[in-house]
Amino acid sequence: MAFMNVLVTGGTGYIGSLTSVQLLAAGQRPVLLDNLSNSKAAVLDRIAQVAGMRPRFVQGDVRDRALLDKLLREERIEAVIHFAGLKAVGESVQMPLAYYDHNVHGTLVLLEALREAGVRTLVFSSSATVYGDAGQMPLSEAAPTAATNPYGRSKLMVEQILGDLAASDPSWSLTALRYFNPVGAHPSGLMGEDPQGIPNNLMPFIAQVAVGRREKLRVFGNDYPTPDGTGVRDYIHVLDLADGHLAALEHGHGRAGLHVFNLGTGRGHSVLEMLQAFGRACGRELPYELAPRRPGDVANCWADPARAQQALGWRARRGLDEMCADTWRWQSMNPQGYAA
């Protein structure tokens, strides 16, 4: 890979920390920036255990321009992977201004600092939520975008900003990775997802039911036009996702423009399929109850990952049973997540 010093914003978060492990394994030098609003500093010890070295960490906010200027200069940053932001759909509906502030304004501050520092390569953590309630599956990058909540709109706004920036100046190499549903954990059981409060996503909620932190799973809607009536999503192992960032960083080097890729497996699994697969991993059936549909949820959503396969030479390699086994290993070894 052409880069060495890579700034990872949101670097102690779920995906950021595991991407940092993969960067270290590839011989890179990640510098992690995080304000610890949705993560814990204890993850740095785990990165050191897993990777055999401790990355440089700076506690701070991506909206702090003076801090960014100092960091980019002193650490001789050559490229950025930008994870920092707020990420809960429901919360974004309740707190839209906070989402636009962190996700859109935060990215603008970062881009201005990068322009000043002469850093021109950025990989952005986008989301499949930019597609909104799309009808035709699988979703290719050419599908219409129509985000249906402030979180998705904030991601789409950033993509539009990146497109305008790339069009204005060919020295920029910008990549937006549209994630589907990241799940799983490091196979060591030392690193995984540690949501603060009640999990917003299916897999960590199932894992907390399995470990006894939650009584049962509520399944929202069983009357969708899907094989078993429950919502179908494309779940991708977090390490496959992390590898996608490394591939995107390498692909982007010196390649002008905005490059957009789906990161998914290309296959959907229903809520009940996920519950059964996790039951296999933990060795028992898990309790659930049916509940009405949630507003804004779609019946089906899965990726067409062909463009990433062709351009990046990347594909998801880990299957559903591995995703569940790795999540269960993490959750059973760390029932309360990372130490405070």
C-alpha atoms as a PDB file:
ATOM      1  CA  MET A   1       0.000   0.000   0.000  1.00  0.00           C
ATOM      2  CA  ALA A   2       1.236   3.470  -0.885  1.00  0.00           C
ATOM      3  CA  PHE A   3       0.380   5.120   2.444  1.00  0.00           C
ATOM      4  CA  MET A   4       1.925   4.770   5.873  1.00  0.00           C
ATOM      5  CA  ASN A   5       0.435   7.398   8.183  1.00  0.00           C
ATOM      6  CA  VAL A   6      -3.346   7.050   8.070  1.00  0.00           C
ATOM      7  CA  LEU A   7      -5.651   9.171  10.233  1.00  0.00           C
ATOM      8  CA  VAL A   8      -8.632   7.108  11.409  1.00  0.00           C
ATOM      9  CA  THR A   9     -11.394   9.385  12.721  1.00  0.00           C
ATOM     10  CA  GLY A  10     -13.777   7.574  15.055  1.00  0.00           C
ATOM     11  CA  GLY A  11     -10.897   5.161  15.499  1.00  0.00           C
ATOM     12  CA  THR A  12     -11.975   3.586  18.805  1.00  0.00           C
ATOM     13  CA  GLY A  13     -15.472   2.754  17.522  1.00  0.00           C
ATOM     14  CA  TYR A  14     -16.629  -0.694  16.431  1.00  0.00           C
ATOM     15  CA  ILE A  15     -15.599  -0.526  12.768  1.00  0.00           C
ATOM     16  CA  GLY A  16     -12.798   2.014  13.241  1.00  0.00           C
ATOM     17  CA  SER A  17     -10.972  -0.090  15.843  1.00  0.00           C
ATOM     18  CA  LEU A  18     -11.126  -3.277  13.773  1.00  0.00           C
ATOM     19  CA  THR A  19     -10.040  -1.418  10.640  1.00  0.00           C
ATOM     20  CA  SER A  20      -7.081  -0.107  12.659  1.00  0.00           C
ATOM     21  CA  VAL A  21      -6.138  -3.711  13.500  1.00  0.00           C
ATOM     22  CA  GLN A  22      -6.167  -4.572   9.785  1.00  0.00           C
ATOM     23  CA  LEU A  23      -4.101  -1.459   8.975  1.00  0.00           C
ATOM     24  CA  LEU A  24      -1.490  -2.484  11.556  1.00  0.00           C
ATOM     25  CA  ALA A  25      -1.432  -6.019  10.142  1.00  0.00           C
ATOM     26  CA  ALA A  26      -0.780  -4.511   6.691  1.00  0.00           C
ATOM     27  CA  GLY A  27       2.228  -2.574   8.009  1.00  0.00           C
ATOM     28  CA  GLN A  28       0.517   0.817   8.144  1.00  0.00           C
ATOM     29  CA  ARG A  29       0.640   3.369  10.948  1.00  0.00           C
ATOM     30  CA  PRO A  30      -2.906   4.340  11.925  1.00  0.00           C
ATOM     31  CA  VAL A  31      -3.371   7.429  14.106  1.00  0.00           C
ATOM     32  CA  LEU A  32      -6.717   7.220  15.906  1.00  0.00           C
ATOM     33  CA  LEU A  33      -8.826  10.292  16.660  1.00  0.00           C
ATOM     34  CA  ASP A  34     -11.983   9.861  18.753  1.00  0.00           C
ATOM     35  CA  ASN A  35     -13.947  11.931  21.266  1.00  0.00           C
ATOM     36  CA  LEU A  36     -15.026   8.709  23.098  1.00  0.00           C
ATOM     37  CA  SER A  37     -18.698   9.758  22.976  1.00  0.00           C
ATOM     38  CA  ASN A  38     -19.738   6.272  21.836  1.00  0.00           C
ATOM     39  CA  SER A  39     -16.658   4.163  22.599  1.00  0.00           C
ATOM     40  CA  LYS A  40     -14.192   3.465  25.380  1.00  0.00           C
ATOM     41  CA  ALA A  41     -10.439   4.032  25.647  1.00  0.00           C
ATOM     42  CA  ALA A  42     -10.103   0.411  26.845  1.00  0.00           C
ATOM     43  CA  VAL A  43     -10.351  -0.663  23.198  1.00  0.00           C
ATOM     44  CA  LEU A  44      -6.771   0.584  22.725  1.00  0.00           C
ATOM     45  CA  ASP A  45      -5.500  -2.147  25.064  1.00  0.00           C
ATOM     46  CA  ARG A  46      -7.393  -4.726  23.013  1.00  0.00           C
ATOM     47  CA  ILE A  47      -5.971  -3.423  19.739  1.00  0.00           C
ATOM     48  CA  ALA A  48      -2.503  -3.766  21.274  1.00  0.00           C
ATOM     49  CA  GLN A  49      -3.292  -7.353  22.358  1.00  0.00           C
ATOM     50  CA  VAL A  50      -4.638  -8.375  18.967  1.00  0.00           C
ATOM     51  CA  ALA A  51      -2.193  -6.482  16.732  1.00  0.00           C
ATOM     52  CA  GLY A  52       0.916  -6.693  18.914  1.00  0.00           C
ATOM     53  CA  MET A  53       1.335  -2.917  18.964  1.00  0.00           C
ATOM     54  CA  ARG A  54      -0.550   0.056  20.330  1.00  0.00           C
ATOM     55  CA  PRO A  55      -1.604   2.717  17.835  1.00  0.00           C
ATOM     56  CA  ARG A  56      -1.168   6.422  18.451  1.00  0.00           C
ATOM     57  CA  PHE A  57      -4.400   7.791  19.952  1.00  0.00           C
ATOM     58  CA  VAL A  58      -5.592  11.379  20.279  1.00  0.00           C
ATOM     59  CA  GLN A  59      -8.765  12.145  22.206  1.00  0.00           C
ATOM     60  CA  GLY A  60     -10.572  14.935  20.434  1.00  0.00           C
ATOM     61  CA  ASP A  61     -13.393  15.953  18.125  1.00  0.00           C
ATOM     62  CA  VAL A  62     -13.283  16.015  14.347  1.00  0.00           C
ATOM     63  CA  ARG A  63     -14.983  19.437  14.506  1.00  0.00           C
ATOM     64  CA  ASP A  64     -11.945  20.905  16.338  1.00  0.00           C
ATOM     65  CA  ARG A  65     -10.074  22.589  13.472  1.00  0.00           C
ATOM     66  CA  ALA A  66      -7.035  23.636  15.525  1.00  0.00           C
ATOM     67  CA  LEU A  67      -6.570  20.064  16.766  1.00  0.00           C
ATOM     68  CA  LEU A  68      -6.872  18.675  13.226  1.00  0.00           C
ATOM     69  CA  ASP A  69      -4.305  21.140  11.860  1.00  0.00           C
ATOM     70  CA  LYS A  70      -1.822  20.157  14.580  1.00  0.00           C
ATOM     71  CA  LEU A  71      -2.480  16.437  14.155  1.00  0.00           C
ATOM     72  CA  LEU A  72      -2.150  16.417  10.367  1.00  0.00           C
ATOM     73  CA  ARG A  73       1.142  18.335  10.573  1.00  0.00           C
ATOM     74  CA  GLU A  74       2.793  16.542  13.492  1.00  0.00           C
ATOM     75  CA  GLU A  75       1.794  13.013  12.467  1.00  0.00           C
ATOM     76  CA  ARG A  76       2.574  13.619   8.772  1.00  0.00           C
ATOM     77  CA  ILE A  77      -0.788  12.205   7.767  1.00  0.00           C
ATOM     78  CA  GLU A  78      -0.982  10.984   4.160  1.00  0.00           C
ATOM     79  CA  ALA A  79      -4.568   9.663   3.961  1.00  0.00           C
ATOM     80  CA  VAL A  80      -7.741   9.573   6.071  1.00  0.00           C
ATOM     81  CA  ILE A  81     -10.402   6.977   6.798  1.00  0.00           C
ATOM     82  CA  HIS A  82     -13.347   8.949   8.149  1.00  0.00           C
ATOM     83  CA  PHE A  83     -15.656   7.012  10.505  1.00  0.00           C
ATOM     84  CA  ALA A  84     -16.436   9.741  13.059  1.00  0.00           C
ATOM     85  CA  GLY A  85     -20.137  10.547  13.339  1.00  0.00           C
ATOM     86  CA  LEU A  86     -23.442   9.697  14.956  1.00  0.00           C
ATOM     87  CA  LYS A  87     -25.139   6.578  13.615  1.00  0.00           C
ATOM     88  CA  ALA A  88     -28.578   5.716  15.051  1.00  0.00           C
ATOM     89  CA  VAL A  89     -31.519   6.158  12.680  1.00  0.00           C
ATOM     90  CA  GLY A  90     -34.155   6.552  15.418  1.00  0.00           C
ATOM     91  CA  GLU A  91     -32.062   9.020  17.387  1.00  0.00           C
ATOM     92  CA  SER A  92     -31.465  11.064  14.234  1.00  0.00           C
ATOM     93  CA  VAL A  93     -35.221  11.627  13.908  1.00  0.00           C
ATOM     94  CA  GLN A  94     -35.291  12.960  17.492  1.00  0.00           C
ATOM     95  CA  MET A  95     -32.031  14.962  17.218  1.00  0.00           C
ATOM     96  CA  PRO A  96     -31.595  16.069  13.584  1.00  0.00           C
ATOM     97  CA  LEU A  97     -29.454  19.121  14.380  1.00  0.00           C
ATOM     98  CA  ALA A  98     -26.908  17.013  16.267  1.00  0.00           C
ATOM     99  CA  TYR A  99     -26.662  14.628  13.290  1.00  0.00           C
ATOM    100  CA  TYR A 100     -26.113  17.410  10.772  1.00  0.00           C
ATOM    101  CA  ASP A 101     -23.599  19.041  13.119  1.00  0.00           C
ATOM    102  CA  HIS A 102     -21.507  15.925  13.746  1.00  0.00           C
ATOM    103  CA  ASN A 103     -21.845  14.207  10.387  1.00  0.00           C
ATOM    104  CA  VAL A 104     -22.014  17.049   7.864  1.00  0.00           C
ATOM    105  CA  HIS A 105     -20.326  19.967   9.643  1.00  0.00           C
ATOM    106  CA  GLY A 106     -17.702  17.600  11.097  1.00  0.00           C
ATOM    107  CA  THR A 107     -16.809  16.389   7.609  1.00  0.00           C
ATOM    108  CA  LEU A 108     -16.597  19.961   6.284  1.00  0.00           C
ATOM    109  CA  VAL A 109     -14.162  20.929   9.050  1.00  0.00           C
ATOM    110  CA  LEU A 110     -12.085  17.827   8.259  1.00  0.00           C
ATOM    111  CA  LEU A 111     -12.040  18.518   4.503  1.00  0.00           C
ATOM    112  CA  GLU A 112     -10.985  22.134   5.045  1.00  0.00           C
ATOM    113  CA  ALA A 113      -8.126  20.963   7.281  1.00  0.00           C
ATOM    114  CA  LEU A 114      -7.080  18.357   4.702  1.00  0.00           C
ATOM    115  CA  ARG A 115      -7.101  20.937   1.901  1.00  0.00           C
ATOM    116  CA  GLU A 116      -4.880  23.243   3.958  1.00  0.00           C
ATOM    117  CA  ALA A 117      -2.503  20.385   4.855  1.00  0.00           C
ATOM    118  CA  GLY A 118      -2.277  19.075   1.289  1.00  0.00           C
ATOM    119  CA  VAL A 119      -3.800  15.687   2.148  1.00  0.00           C
ATOM    120  CA  ARG A 120      -5.947  14.621  -0.800  1.00  0.00           C
ATOM    121  CA  THR A 121      -7.000  11.010  -0.127  1.00  0.00           C
ATOM    122  CA  LEU A 122     -10.065  10.187   1.974  1.00  0.00           C
ATOM    123  CA  VAL A 123     -12.232   7.100   2.434  1.00  0.00           C
ATOM    124  CA  PHE A 124     -15.655   7.969   3.862  1.00  0.00           C
ATOM    125  CA  SER A 125     -17.901   5.744   5.938  1.00  0.00           C
ATOM    126  CA  SER A 126     -21.245   6.060   4.136  1.00  0.00           C
ATOM    127  CA  SER A 127     -24.296   3.814   4.433  1.00  0.00           C
ATOM    128  CA  ALA A 128     -26.885   1.843   2.480  1.00  0.00           C
ATOM    129  CA  THR A 129     -29.462   4.115   4.146  1.00  0.00           C
ATOM    130  CA  VAL A 130     -28.759   6.578   1.306  1.00  0.00           C
ATOM    131  CA  TYR A 131     -30.924   4.338  -0.908  1.00  0.00           C
ATOM    132  CA  GLY A 132     -34.012   4.894   1.267  1.00  0.00           C
ATOM    133  CA  ASP A 133     -36.989   2.641   0.580  1.00  0.00           C
ATOM    134  CA  ALA A 134     -35.673   1.280  -2.713  1.00  0.00           C
ATOM    135  CA  GLY A 135     -37.831  -1.222  -4.571  1.00  0.00           C
ATOM    136  CA  GLN A 136     -35.522  -3.185  -6.846  1.00  0.00           C
ATOM    137  CA  MET A 137     -33.094  -5.693  -5.283  1.00  0.00           C
ATOM    138  CA  PRO A 138     -30.186  -6.131  -5.254  1.00  0.00           C
ATOM    139  CA  LEU A 139     -29.103  -2.508  -4.903  1.00  0.00           C
ATOM    140  CA  SER A 140     -26.333  -1.353  -7.225  1.00  0.00           C
ATOM    141  CA  GLU A 141     -24.511   1.951  -6.823  1.00  0.00           C
ATOM    142  CA  ALA A 142     -26.602   3.266  -9.739  1.00  0.00           C
ATOM    143  CA  ALA A 143     -29.859   2.840  -7.783  1.00  0.00           C
ATOM    144  CA  PRO A 144     -31.668   6.107  -6.983  1.00  0.00           C
ATOM    145  CA  THR A 145     -30.770   7.693  -3.657  1.00  0.00           C
ATOM    146  CA  ALA A 146     -33.613   8.859  -1.443  1.00  0.00           C
ATOM    147  CA  ALA A 147     -32.712   8.821   2.245  1.00  0.00           C
ATOM    148  CA  THR A 148     -35.749   8.692   4.539  1.00  0.00           C
ATOM    149  CA  ASN A 149     -34.266   9.958   7.841  1.00  0.00           C
ATOM    150  CA  PRO A 150     -31.748  12.579   9.032  1.00  0.00           C
ATOM    151  CA  TYR A 151     -28.998   9.967   9.531  1.00  0.00           C
ATOM    152  CA  GLY A 152     -29.283   8.745   5.935  1.00  0.00           C
ATOM    153  CA  ARG A 153     -29.625  12.303   4.641  1.00  0.00           C
ATOM    154  CA  SER A 154     -26.463  13.352   6.503  1.00  0.00           C
ATOM    155  CA  LYS A 155     -24.541  10.545   4.753  1.00  0.00           C
ATOM    156  CA  LEU A 156     -26.005  11.477   1.385  1.00  0.00           C
ATOM    157  CA  MET A 157     -25.182  15.164   1.921  1.00  0.00           C
ATOM    158  CA  VAL A 158     -21.555  14.253   2.620  1.00  0.00           C
ATOM    159  CA  GLU A 159     -21.428  12.123  -0.542  1.00  0.00           C
ATOM    160  CA  GLN A 160     -22.761  15.116  -2.526  1.00  0.00           C
ATOM    161  CA  ILE A 161     -20.151  17.401  -0.933  1.00  0.00           C
ATOM    162  CA  LEU A 162     -17.408  14.916  -1.843  1.00  0.00           C
ATOM    163  CA  GLY A 163     -18.702  14.749  -5.427  1.00  0.00           C
ATOM    164  CA  ASP A 164     -18.671  18.542  -5.740  1.00  0.00           C
ATOM    165  CA  LEU A 165     -15.178  18.732  -4.242  1.00  0.00           C
ATOM    166  CA  ALA A 166     -13.821  16.077  -6.623  1.00  0.00           C
ATOM    167  CA  ALA A 167     -15.387  17.881  -9.588  1.00  0.00           C
ATOM    168  CA  SER A 168     -13.823  21.193  -8.537  1.00  0.00           C
ATOM    169  CA  ASP A 169     -10.263  19.899  -8.101  1.00  0.00           C
ATOM    170  CA  PRO A 170      -8.795  16.774  -9.746  1.00  0.00           C
ATOM    171  CA  SER A 171      -6.093  16.425  -7.091  1.00  0.00           C
ATOM    172  CA  TRP A 172      -8.630  14.846  -4.710  1.00  0.00           C
ATOM    173  CA  SER A 173      -9.137  11.081  -4.467  1.00  0.00           C
ATOM    174  CA  LEU A 174     -12.340  10.474  -2.521  1.00  0.00           C
ATOM    175  CA  THR A 175     -14.150   7.199  -1.851  1.00  0.00           C
ATOM    176  CA  ALA A 176     -17.583   6.633  -0.280  1.00  0.00           C
ATOM    177  CA  LEU A 177     -18.248   3.127   1.020  1.00  0.00           C
ATOM    178  CA  ARG A 178     -21.935   2.317   1.411  1.00  0.00           C
ATOM    179  CA  TYR A 179     -22.089  -0.291   4.182  1.00  0.00           C
ATOM    180  CA  PHE A 180     -24.938  -2.684   4.526  1.00  0.00           C
ATOM    181  CA  ASN A 181     -25.253  -4.258   8.039  1.00  0.00           C
ATOM    182  CA  PRO A 182     -21.913  -4.735   9.846  1.00  0.00           C
ATOM    183  CA  VAL A 183     -21.906  -7.588  12.363  1.00  0.00           C
ATOM    184  CA  GLY A 184     -19.421 -10.027  13.910  1.00  0.00           C
ATOM    185  CA  ALA A 185     -16.292  -9.533  15.966  1.00  0.00           C
ATOM    186  CA  HIS A 186     -12.594 -10.324  15.971  1.00  0.00           C
ATOM    187  CA  PRO A 187     -12.185 -14.141  16.088  1.00  0.00           C
ATOM    188  CA  SER A 188     -10.015 -13.802  19.221  1.00  0.00           C
ATOM    189  CA  GLY A 189     -13.112 -12.666  21.152  1.00  0.00           C
ATOM    190  CA  LEU A 190     -11.149  -9.606  22.330  1.00  0.00           C
ATOM    191  CA  MET A 191     -12.816  -6.997  20.114  1.00  0.00           C
ATOM    192  CA  GLY A 192     -16.412  -6.493  19.036  1.00  0.00           C
ATOM    193  CA  GLU A 193     -19.434  -4.226  19.093  1.00  0.00           C
ATOM    194  CA  ASP A 194     -20.160  -2.562  22.433  1.00  0.00           C
ATOM    195  CA  PRO A 195     -23.222  -0.337  21.981  1.00  0.00           C
ATOM    196  CA  GLN A 196     -23.920   2.179  24.724  1.00  0.00           C
ATOM    197  CA  GLY A 197     -27.421   1.732  26.165  1.00  0.00           C
ATOM    198  CA  ILE A 198     -30.058  -0.324  24.340  1.00  0.00           C
ATOM    199  CA  PRO A 199     -28.659  -1.612  21.020  1.00  0.00           C
ATOM    200  CA  ASN A 200     -30.167  -0.076  17.887  1.00  0.00           C
ATOM    201  CA  ASN A 201     -29.159  -2.974  15.666  1.00  0.00           C
ATOM    202  CA  LEU A 202     -30.322  -6.582  15.511  1.00  0.00           C
ATOM    203  CA  MET A 203     -27.125  -8.590  16.083  1.00  0.00           C
ATOM    204  CA  PRO A 204     -25.900  -6.894  19.301  1.00  0.00           C
ATOM    205  CA  PHE A 205     -29.435  -7.098  20.681  1.00  0.00           C
ATOM    206  CA  ILE A 206     -29.613 -10.852  19.967  1.00  0.00           C
ATOM    207  CA  ALA A 207     -26.158 -11.259  21.544  1.00  0.00           C
ATOM    208  CA  GLN A 208     -27.327  -9.467  24.717  1.00  0.00           C
ATOM    209  CA  VAL A 209     -30.380 -11.738  24.898  1.00  0.00           C
ATOM    210  CA  ALA A 210     -28.074 -14.770  24.536  1.00  0.00           C
ATOM    211  CA  VAL A 211     -25.803 -13.577  27.362  1.00  0.00           C
ATOM    212  CA  GLY A 212     -28.733 -12.708  29.657  1.00  0.00           C
ATOM    213  CA  ARG A 213     -28.578  -8.905  29.528  1.00  0.00           C
ATOM    214  CA  ARG A 214     -31.947  -8.693  27.717  1.00  0.00           C
ATOM    215  CA  GLU A 215     -35.003 -10.840  28.323  1.00  0.00           C
ATOM    216  CA  LYS A 216     -36.039 -11.431  24.709  1.00  0.00           C
ATOM    217  CA  LEU A 217     -35.830 -10.061  21.190  1.00  0.00           C
ATOM    218  CA  ARG A 218     -38.724  -8.013  19.844  1.00  0.00           C
ATOM    219  CA  VAL A 219     -39.241  -8.776  16.164  1.00  0.00           C
ATOM    220  CA  PHE A 220     -40.799  -5.729  14.528  1.00  0.00           C
ATOM    221  CA  GLY A 221     -43.197  -6.935  11.846  1.00  0.00           C
ATOM    222  CA  ASN A 222     -43.868 -10.460  10.561  1.00  0.00           C
ATOM    223  CA  ASP A 223     -46.144  -9.501   7.666  1.00  0.00           C
ATOM    224  CA  TYR A 224     -43.562  -8.213   5.194  1.00  0.00           C
ATOM    225  CA  PRO A 225     -43.513  -9.698   1.653  1.00  0.00           C
ATOM    226  CA  THR A 226     -40.489 -11.878   2.524  1.00  0.00           C
ATOM    227  CA  PRO A 227     -40.120 -15.681   2.831  1.00  0.00           C
ATOM    228  CA  ASP A 228     -40.941 -15.740   6.576  1.00  0.00           C
ATOM    229  CA  GLY A 229     -42.606 -12.322   6.903  1.00  0.00           C
ATOM    230  CA  THR A 230     -39.711 -10.665   8.756  1.00  0.00           C
ATOM    231  CA  GLY A 231     -37.383  -8.011   7.345  1.00  0.00           C
ATOM    232  CA  VAL A 232     -34.464  -9.155   5.177  1.00  0.00           C
ATOM    233  CA  ARG A 233     -31.061  -7.443   5.331  1.00  0.00           C
ATOM    234  CA  ASP A 234     -27.546  -7.936   3.991  1.00  0.00           C
ATOM    235  CA  TYR A 235     -25.249  -8.667   6.972  1.00  0.00           C
ATOM    236  CA  ILE A 236     -21.497  -8.324   6.468  1.00  0.00           C
ATOM    237  CA  HIS A 237     -18.715  -9.436   8.808  1.00  0.00           C
ATOM    238  CA  VAL A 238     -16.915  -6.427  10.265  1.00  0.00           C
ATOM    239  CA  LEU A 239     -13.501  -7.820   9.251  1.00  0.00           C
ATOM    240  CA  ASP A 240     -14.644  -8.115   5.627  1.00  0.00           C
ATOM    241  CA  LEU A 241     -15.796  -4.510   5.954  1.00  0.00           C
ATOM    242  CA  ALA A 242     -12.423  -3.483   7.415  1.00  0.00           C
ATOM    243  CA  ASP A 243     -10.613  -5.196   4.531  1.00  0.00           C
ATOM    244  CA  GLY A 244     -12.831  -3.237   2.153  1.00  0.00           C
ATOM    245  CA  HIS A 245     -11.433   0.010   3.587  1.00  0.00           C
ATOM    246  CA  LEU A 246      -7.867  -1.106   2.979  1.00  0.00           C
ATOM    247  CA  ALA A 247      -8.744  -2.090  -0.586  1.00  0.00           C
ATOM    248  CA  ALA A 248     -10.456   1.283  -1.117  1.00  0.00           C
ATOM    249  CA  LEU A 249      -7.437   3.155   0.255  1.00  0.00           C
ATOM    250  CA  GLU A 250      -5.131   1.338  -2.137  1.00  0.00           C
ATOM    251  CA  HIS A 251      -7.490   1.790  -5.097  1.00  0.00           C
ATOM    252  CA  GLY A 252      -7.928   5.486  -4.377  1.00  0.00           C
ATOM    253  CA  HIS A 253      -4.217   6.346  -4.322  1.00  0.00           C
ATOM    254  CA  GLY A 254      -3.632   8.862  -7.104  1.00  0.00           C
ATOM    255  CA  ARG A 255      -7.014   8.102  -8.706  1.00  0.00           C
ATOM    256  CA  ALA A 256      -8.930  11.363  -9.104  1.00  0.00           C
ATOM    257  CA  GLY A 257     -12.636  11.718  -8.493  1.00  0.00           C
ATOM    258  CA  LEU A 258     -15.326  10.349  -6.198  1.00  0.00           C
ATOM    259  CA  HIS A 259     -15.522   6.543  -6.169  1.00  0.00           C
ATOM    260  CA  VAL A 260     -18.637   4.929  -4.672  1.00  0.00           C
ATOM    261  CA  PHE A 261     -18.833   1.265  -3.646  1.00  0.00           C
ATOM    262  CA  ASN A 262     -21.350  -0.964  -1.899  1.00  0.00           C
ATOM    263  CA  LEU A 263     -19.849  -3.161   0.803  1.00  0.00           C
ATOM    264  CA  GLY A 264     -22.180  -6.112   1.323  1.00  0.00           C
ATOM    265  CA  THR A 265     -22.371  -9.840   0.675  1.00  0.00           C
ATOM    266  CA  GLY A 266     -25.022  -9.706  -2.020  1.00  0.00           C
ATOM    267  CA  ARG A 267     -27.363 -11.931  -0.036  1.00  0.00           C
ATOM    268  CA  GLY A 268     -30.121 -11.190   2.441  1.00  0.00           C
ATOM    269  CA  HIS A 269     -31.092 -12.919   5.691  1.00  0.00           C
ATOM    270  CA  SER A 270     -34.339 -12.442   7.603  1.00  0.00           C
ATOM    271  CA  VAL A 271     -34.613 -11.534  11.283  1.00  0.00           C
ATOM    272  CA  LEU A 272     -35.767 -15.064  12.135  1.00  0.00           C
ATOM    273  CA  GLU A 273     -32.892 -16.591  10.122  1.00  0.00           C
ATOM    274  CA  MET A 274     -30.451 -14.474  12.128  1.00  0.00           C
ATOM    275  CA  LEU A 275     -32.083 -15.558  15.384  1.00  0.00           C
ATOM    276  CA  GLN A 276     -31.840 -19.239  14.403  1.00  0.00           C
ATOM    277  CA  ALA A 277     -28.213 -18.884  13.287  1.00  0.00           C
ATOM    278  CA  PHE A 278     -27.292 -17.216  16.577  1.00  0.00           C
ATOM    279  CA  GLY A 279     -29.104 -19.988  18.428  1.00  0.00           C
ATOM    280  CA  ARG A 280     -26.820 -22.491  16.669  1.00  0.00           C
ATOM    281  CA  ALA A 281     -23.772 -20.466  17.722  1.00  0.00           C
ATOM    282  CA  CYS A 282     -24.730 -20.248  21.404  1.00  0.00           C
ATOM    283  CA  GLY A 283     -26.325 -23.695  21.605  1.00  0.00           C
ATOM    284  CA  ARG A 284     -29.892 -22.816  22.553  1.00  0.00           C
ATOM    285  CA  GLU A 285     -33.093 -21.353  21.174  1.00  0.00           C
ATOM    286  CA  LEU A 286     -33.463 -17.666  21.992  1.00  0.00           C
ATOM    287  CA  PRO A 287     -36.762 -16.120  23.141  1.00  0.00           C
ATOM    288  CA  TYR A 288     -38.537 -13.556  20.999  1.00  0.00           C
ATOM    289  CA  GLU A 289     -41.907 -11.877  20.641  1.00  0.00           C
ATOM    290  CA  LEU A 290     -43.595 -10.369  17.637  1.00  0.00           C
ATOM    291  CA  ALA A 291     -44.304  -6.639  17.622  1.00  0.00           C
ATOM    292  CA  PRO A 292     -45.832  -4.230  15.076  1.00  0.00           C
ATOM    293  CA  ARG A 293     -43.702  -2.890  12.249  1.00  0.00           C
ATOM    294  CA  ARG A 294     -41.575   0.148  13.025  1.00  0.00           C
ATOM    295  CA  PRO A 295     -42.189   3.222  10.852  1.00  0.00           C
ATOM    296  CA  GLY A 296     -39.469   3.656   8.244  1.00  0.00           C
ATOM    297  CA  ASP A 297     -38.349   0.008   8.152  1.00  0.00           C
ATOM    298  CA  VAL A 298     -38.203  -1.562   4.695  1.00  0.00           C
ATOM    299  CA  ALA A 299     -39.014  -5.181   3.811  1.00  0.00           C
ATOM    300  CA  ASN A 300     -35.865  -6.038   1.837  1.00  0.00           C
ATOM    301  CA  CYS A 301     -32.408  -4.576   1.478  1.00  0.00           C
ATOM    302  CA  TRP A 302     -29.334  -6.268   0.086  1.00  0.00           C
ATOM    303  CA  ALA A 303     -26.357  -5.237  -2.012  1.00  0.00           C
ATOM    304  CA  ASP A 304     -25.079  -5.834  -5.477  1.00  0.00           C
ATOM    305  CA  PRO A 305     -21.351  -5.883  -4.570  1.00  0.00           C
ATOM    306  CA  ALA A 306     -20.104  -6.461  -8.156  1.00  0.00           C
ATOM    307  CA  ARG A 307     -18.473  -3.029  -8.556  1.00  0.00           C
ATOM    308  CA  ALA A 308     -16.315  -3.490  -5.430  1.00  0.00           C
ATOM    309  CA  GLN A 309     -15.330  -6.967  -6.631  1.00  0.00           C
ATOM    310  CA  GLN A 310     -14.291  -5.674 -10.054  1.00  0.00           C
ATOM    311  CA  ALA A 311     -12.594  -2.402  -9.080  1.00  0.00           C
ATOM    312  CA  LEU A 312     -11.182  -3.198  -5.642  1.00  0.00           C
ATOM    313  CA  GLY A 313     -10.598  -6.940  -5.997  1.00  0.00           C
ATOM    314  CA  TRP A 314     -12.598  -7.253  -2.778  1.00  0.00           C
ATOM    315  CA  ARG A 315     -15.425  -9.544  -1.739  1.00  0.00           C
ATOM    316  CA  ALA A 316     -17.014 -10.631   1.524  1.00  0.00           C
ATOM    317  CA  ARG A 317     -15.561 -14.014   2.506  1.00  0.00           C
ATOM    318  CA  ARG A 318     -17.116 -14.754   5.906  1.00  0.00           C
ATOM    319  CA  GLY A 319     -20.546 -16.382   6.100  1.00  0.00           C
ATOM    320  CA  LEU A 320     -23.487 -16.144   8.493  1.00  0.00           C
ATOM    321  CA  ASP A 321     -22.369 -18.921  10.856  1.00  0.00           C
ATOM    322  CA  GLU A 322     -18.935 -17.295  11.229  1.00  0.00           C
ATOM    323  CA  MET A 323     -20.549 -13.909  11.900  1.00  0.00           C
ATOM    324  CA  CYS A 324     -22.676 -15.430  14.681  1.00  0.00           C
ATOM    325  CA  ALA A 325     -19.890 -17.578  16.164  1.00  0.00           C
ATOM    326  CA  ASP A 326     -17.508 -14.599  16.358  1.00  0.00           C
ATOM    327  CA  THR A 327     -20.197 -12.352  17.879  1.00  0.00           C
ATOM    328  CA  TRP A 328     -21.071 -14.992  20.491  1.00  0.00           C
ATOM    329  CA  ARG A 329     -17.404 -15.529  21.388  1.00  0.00           C
ATOM    330  CA  TRP A 330     -16.976 -11.767  21.921  1.00  0.00           C
ATOM    331  CA  GLN A 331     -20.210 -11.351  23.885  1.00  0.00           C
ATOM    332  CA  SER A 332     -19.725 -14.428  26.087  1.00  0.00           C
ATOM    333  CA  MET A 333     -16.118 -13.428  26.914  1.00  0.00           C
ATOM    334  CA  ASN A 334     -17.156  -9.784  27.478  1.00  0.00           C
ATOM    335  CA  PRO A 335     -20.758  -9.861  28.772  1.00  0.00           C
ATOM    336  CA  GLN A 336     -20.638  -6.165  29.673  1.00  0.00           C
ATOM    337  CA  GLY A 337     -18.582  -5.121  26.633  1.00  0.00           C
ATOM    338  CA  TYR A 338     -15.356  -3.174  27.140  1.00  0.00           C
ATOM    339  CA  ALA A 339     -14.442  -2.078  30.635  1.00  0.00           C
ATOM    340  CA  ALA A 340     -15.230   1.560  31.338  1.00  0.00           C
END
